[in-house]
Amino acid sequence: MQEKIRKARSAIVNQKMRMVKCPYCGHNAIAVFEDSRGHIQAKCKACGRETVFDVINMRRLLLRLHRR
């Protein structure tokens, strides 16, 4: 298991990390890397609500907002 953790860490060394905020309270809910895909379910540590994030669509939304 430790070897898998080492491989995962070395795979993300050169990738940008971004934080996705909880839609209910605005707290940083999860850290997402450039190669993340699909859906992720996370529980916010601040408010305790569970949310399903679609990582690809969240990225596209952020890109559209920054272009304006």
C-alpha atoms as a PDB file:
ATOM      1  CA  MET A   1       0.000   0.000   0.000  1.00  0.00           C
ATOM      2  CA  GLN A   2       2.838   2.397   0.784  1.00  0.00           C
ATOM      3  CA  GLU A   3       4.227   1.872  -2.712  1.00  0.00           C
ATOM      4  CA  LYS A   4       0.882   2.904  -4.246  1.00  0.00           C
ATOM      5  CA  ILE A   5       0.874   6.052  -2.125  1.00  0.00           C
ATOM      6  CA  ARG A   6       4.405   6.920  -3.257  1.00  0.00           C
ATOM      7  CA  LYS A   7       3.461   6.398  -6.916  1.00  0.00           C
ATOM      8  CA  ALA A   8       0.370   8.571  -6.553  1.00  0.00           C
ATOM      9  CA  ARG A   9       2.350  11.385  -4.961  1.00  0.00           C
ATOM     10  CA  SER A  10       5.018  11.284  -7.644  1.00  0.00           C
ATOM     11  CA  ALA A  11       2.307  11.367 -10.353  1.00  0.00           C
ATOM     12  CA  ILE A  12       0.902  14.677  -9.091  1.00  0.00           C
ATOM     13  CA  VAL A  13       4.172  16.495  -8.391  1.00  0.00           C
ATOM     14  CA  ASN A  14       3.961  18.675 -11.516  1.00  0.00           C
ATOM     15  CA  GLN A  15       0.178  19.121 -11.572  1.00  0.00           C
ATOM     16  CA  LYS A  16      -1.753  22.151 -10.409  1.00  0.00           C
ATOM     17  CA  MET A  17      -4.042  21.666  -7.451  1.00  0.00           C
ATOM     18  CA  ARG A  18      -7.255  23.620  -7.024  1.00  0.00           C
ATOM     19  CA  MET A  19      -9.722  23.705  -4.189  1.00  0.00           C
ATOM     20  CA  VAL A  20     -13.435  23.127  -4.773  1.00  0.00           C
ATOM     21  CA  LYS A  21     -15.615  24.921  -2.262  1.00  0.00           C
ATOM     22  CA  CYS A  22     -18.676  23.574  -0.488  1.00  0.00           C
ATOM     23  CA  PRO A  23     -21.777  24.982  -2.243  1.00  0.00           C
ATOM     24  CA  TYR A  24     -23.540  25.426   1.106  1.00  0.00           C
ATOM     25  CA  CYS A  25     -20.997  27.204   3.312  1.00  0.00           C
ATOM     26  CA  GLY A  26     -18.091  28.120   0.992  1.00  0.00           C
ATOM     27  CA  HIS A  27     -15.476  26.157   2.945  1.00  0.00           C
ATOM     28  CA  ASN A  28     -12.754  24.392   0.908  1.00  0.00           C
ATOM     29  CA  ALA A  29     -14.302  20.939   0.540  1.00  0.00           C
ATOM     30  CA  ILE A  30     -11.854  18.980  -1.656  1.00  0.00           C
ATOM     31  CA  ALA A  31      -8.522  19.344  -3.413  1.00  0.00           C
ATOM     32  CA  VAL A  32      -8.660  18.439  -7.110  1.00  0.00           C
ATOM     33  CA  PHE A  33      -5.720  17.887  -9.444  1.00  0.00           C
ATOM     34  CA  GLU A  34      -5.565  18.457 -13.216  1.00  0.00           C
ATOM     35  CA  ASP A  35      -6.050  14.806 -14.101  1.00  0.00           C
ATOM     36  CA  SER A  36      -9.149  14.323 -11.898  1.00  0.00           C
ATOM     37  CA  ARG A  37     -12.207  13.063 -13.732  1.00  0.00           C
ATOM     38  CA  GLY A  38     -15.712  11.932 -12.926  1.00  0.00           C
ATOM     39  CA  HIS A  39     -17.809  12.373  -9.832  1.00  0.00           C
ATOM     40  CA  ILE A  40     -16.536  12.720  -6.273  1.00  0.00           C
ATOM     41  CA  GLN A  41     -18.673  12.605  -3.147  1.00  0.00           C
ATOM     42  CA  ALA A  42     -17.321  14.546  -0.200  1.00  0.00           C
ATOM     43  CA  LYS A  43     -18.521  15.611   3.217  1.00  0.00           C
ATOM     44  CA  CYS A  44     -17.729  19.190   4.217  1.00  0.00           C
ATOM     45  CA  LYS A  45     -15.756  19.359   7.454  1.00  0.00           C
ATOM     46  CA  ALA A  46     -17.283  22.732   8.334  1.00  0.00           C
ATOM     47  CA  CYS A  47     -21.047  22.245   7.829  1.00  0.00           C
ATOM     48  CA  GLY A  48     -21.246  18.436   7.622  1.00  0.00           C
ATOM     49  CA  ARG A  49     -23.286  18.270   4.411  1.00  0.00           C
ATOM     50  CA  GLU A  50     -22.437  15.721   1.723  1.00  0.00           C
ATOM     51  CA  THR A  51     -22.168  16.859  -1.892  1.00  0.00           C
ATOM     52  CA  VAL A  52     -21.454  15.087  -5.161  1.00  0.00           C
ATOM     53  CA  PHE A  53     -19.064  17.097  -7.335  1.00  0.00           C
ATOM     54  CA  ASP A  54     -18.773  16.586 -11.101  1.00  0.00           C
ATOM     55  CA  VAL A  55     -15.110  17.509 -11.474  1.00  0.00           C
ATOM     56  CA  ILE A  56     -15.137  17.982 -15.267  1.00  0.00           C
ATOM     57  CA  ASN A  57     -18.168  20.298 -15.288  1.00  0.00           C
ATOM     58  CA  MET A  58     -16.799  22.293 -12.344  1.00  0.00           C
ATOM     59  CA  ARG A  59     -13.618  22.910 -14.332  1.00  0.00           C
ATOM     60  CA  ARG A  60     -15.554  24.108 -17.391  1.00  0.00           C
ATOM     61  CA  LEU A  61     -17.668  26.426 -15.257  1.00  0.00           C
ATOM     62  CA  LEU A  62     -14.578  28.005 -13.705  1.00  0.00           C
ATOM     63  CA  LEU A  63     -12.964  28.503 -17.117  1.00  0.00           C
ATOM     64  CA  ARG A  64     -16.097  30.242 -18.450  1.00  0.00           C
ATOM     65  CA  LEU A  65     -16.284  32.540 -15.433  1.00  0.00           C
ATOM     66  CA  HIS A  66     -12.623  33.567 -15.752  1.00  0.00           C
ATOM     67  CA  ARG A  67     -12.936  34.392 -19.476  1.00  0.00           C
ATOM     68  CA  ARG A  68     -15.603  37.071 -18.892  1.00  0.00           C
END
